[in-house]
Every structure is written in C-alpha cells, then in structure tokens.
Amino acid sequence: MYIIKVKGKVRIPDYIQLRDDSFVLIAYFRADRPLKNLEKYGLVGKEDELKQIIEKLPFSKLQKLEFV
C-alpha cells in the first residue's frame, strides 16, 4: 500500500490518498480528520502510527506505507 499527501489550495484542505500495489486509489480523506472504516483497509489498531506518518509526510511524495 502507498500513501501520498496532497496540498490543498485556499479553501480546499490537504488530503491523503491511499493506493494499492497497482497504484489504484483505495481511500481518499482529509489529512486533519481520521480515516473511518480502517478494517476495510487492514489498518485496524494502527490509527496512532498512521496519524504520525501523515504528520511527517511531505507533500506530493508517494511513499510505501510501512508500519514498524
């Protein structure tokens, strides 16, 4: 799974995209709001780690989403 942070403009907030290994968009949500339905993406119990990753993630840089 891959993650990218997209910079918003003026009134449009920053967004996060989650993409699968084929780079198909599987989730799209605001960076300042928690992702819902985490079990759908296999991320249950990783909310805090995901939040930390999002805070440190640079804009417009696609990264492999890996948890420690």
C-alpha atoms as a PDB file:
ATOM      1  CA  MET A   1       0.000   0.000   0.000  1.00  0.00           C
ATOM      2  CA  TYR A   2       1.201   3.520  -0.795  1.00  0.00           C
ATOM      3  CA  ILE A   3       0.388   6.905   0.719  1.00  0.00           C
ATOM      4  CA  ILE A   4       0.617  10.444  -0.666  1.00  0.00           C
ATOM      5  CA  LYS A   5      -0.271  13.811   0.883  1.00  0.00           C
ATOM      6  CA  VAL A   6      -1.885  16.311  -1.483  1.00  0.00           C
ATOM      7  CA  LYS A   7      -1.619  20.036  -0.690  1.00  0.00           C
ATOM      8  CA  GLY A   8      -4.918  21.901  -0.687  1.00  0.00           C
ATOM      9  CA  LYS A   9      -5.411  25.394  -2.053  1.00  0.00           C
ATOM     10  CA  VAL A  10      -7.207  28.357  -0.464  1.00  0.00           C
ATOM     11  CA  ARG A  11     -10.424  26.759   0.893  1.00  0.00           C
ATOM     12  CA  ILE A  12      -9.620  23.198  -0.155  1.00  0.00           C
ATOM     13  CA  PRO A  13      -7.955  21.261   2.705  1.00  0.00           C
ATOM     14  CA  ASP A  14      -4.969  18.923   2.469  1.00  0.00           C
ATOM     15  CA  TYR A  15      -5.892  15.357   1.543  1.00  0.00           C
ATOM     16  CA  ILE A  16      -4.370  11.915   1.922  1.00  0.00           C
ATOM     17  CA  GLN A  17      -4.580   9.214  -0.733  1.00  0.00           C
ATOM     18  CA  LEU A  18      -4.039   5.524  -0.057  1.00  0.00           C
ATOM     19  CA  ARG A  19      -3.206   3.433  -3.109  1.00  0.00           C
ATOM     20  CA  ASP A  20      -2.778  -0.299  -3.517  1.00  0.00           C
ATOM     21  CA  ASP A  21       0.278  -2.003  -5.013  1.00  0.00           C
ATOM     22  CA  SER A  22      -1.064  -1.318  -8.521  1.00  0.00           C
ATOM     23  CA  PHE A  23      -1.405   2.389  -7.573  1.00  0.00           C
ATOM     24  CA  VAL A  24      -5.214   2.215  -7.741  1.00  0.00           C
ATOM     25  CA  LEU A  25      -6.858   4.727  -5.389  1.00  0.00           C
ATOM     26  CA  ILE A  26      -8.439   2.856  -2.460  1.00  0.00           C
ATOM     27  CA  ALA A  27      -9.011   5.692   0.044  1.00  0.00           C
ATOM     28  CA  TYR A  28      -9.140   9.485  -0.071  1.00  0.00           C
ATOM     29  CA  PHE A  29      -9.633  11.526   3.092  1.00  0.00           C
ATOM     30  CA  ARG A  30      -8.830  14.861   4.704  1.00  0.00           C
ATOM     31  CA  ALA A  31      -5.460  14.986   6.442  1.00  0.00           C
ATOM     32  CA  ASP A  32      -6.969  16.651   9.514  1.00  0.00           C
ATOM     33  CA  ARG A  33      -9.707  14.054  10.026  1.00  0.00           C
ATOM     34  CA  PRO A  34      -9.327  10.413  10.998  1.00  0.00           C
ATOM     35  CA  LEU A  35      -9.879   7.679   8.447  1.00  0.00           C
ATOM     36  CA  LYS A  36     -13.042   5.687   9.030  1.00  0.00           C
ATOM     37  CA  ASN A  37     -13.560   2.002   8.251  1.00  0.00           C
ATOM     38  CA  LEU A  38      -9.924   1.108   8.908  1.00  0.00           C
ATOM     39  CA  GLU A  39     -10.764  -2.608   8.904  1.00  0.00           C
ATOM     40  CA  LYS A  40     -11.641  -2.271   5.220  1.00  0.00           C
ATOM     41  CA  TYR A  41      -8.007  -1.359   4.505  1.00  0.00           C
ATOM     42  CA  GLY A  42      -6.327  -3.672   7.018  1.00  0.00           C
ATOM     43  CA  LEU A  43      -5.282  -0.784   9.271  1.00  0.00           C
ATOM     44  CA  VAL A  44      -7.178  -1.596  12.473  1.00  0.00           C
ATOM     45  CA  GLY A  45      -5.087  -0.796  15.537  1.00  0.00           C
ATOM     46  CA  LYS A  46      -2.669   1.357  13.557  1.00  0.00           C
ATOM     47  CA  GLU A  47      -4.502   4.665  13.952  1.00  0.00           C
ATOM     48  CA  ASP A  48      -1.779   6.343  16.022  1.00  0.00           C
ATOM     49  CA  GLU A  49       1.017   5.198  13.721  1.00  0.00           C
ATOM     50  CA  LEU A  50      -0.942   6.357  10.672  1.00  0.00           C
ATOM     51  CA  LYS A  51      -1.510   9.759  12.271  1.00  0.00           C
ATOM     52  CA  GLN A  52       2.229  10.141  12.955  1.00  0.00           C
ATOM     53  CA  ILE A  53       3.095   9.109   9.401  1.00  0.00           C
ATOM     54  CA  ILE A  54       0.641  11.662   7.980  1.00  0.00           C
ATOM     55  CA  GLU A  55       2.097  14.468  10.130  1.00  0.00           C
ATOM     56  CA  LYS A  56       5.658  13.764   8.931  1.00  0.00           C
ATOM     57  CA  LEU A  57       4.743  13.008   5.303  1.00  0.00           C
ATOM     58  CA  PRO A  58       5.994  15.593   2.796  1.00  0.00           C
ATOM     59  CA  PHE A  59       3.526  16.877   0.220  1.00  0.00           C
ATOM     60  CA  SER A  60       3.353  15.243  -3.220  1.00  0.00           C
ATOM     61  CA  LYS A  61       5.791  12.438  -2.431  1.00  0.00           C
ATOM     62  CA  LEU A  62       4.464   8.928  -2.944  1.00  0.00           C
ATOM     63  CA  GLN A  63       5.732   6.588  -0.211  1.00  0.00           C
ATOM     64  CA  LYS A  64       5.296   2.934   0.585  1.00  0.00           C
ATOM     65  CA  LEU A  65       3.133   2.673   3.705  1.00  0.00           C
ATOM     66  CA  GLU A  66       5.041   0.533   6.177  1.00  0.00           C
ATOM     67  CA  PHE A  67       4.411   0.155   9.881  1.00  0.00           C
ATOM     68  CA  VAL A  68       7.090  -0.641  12.460  1.00  0.00           C
END
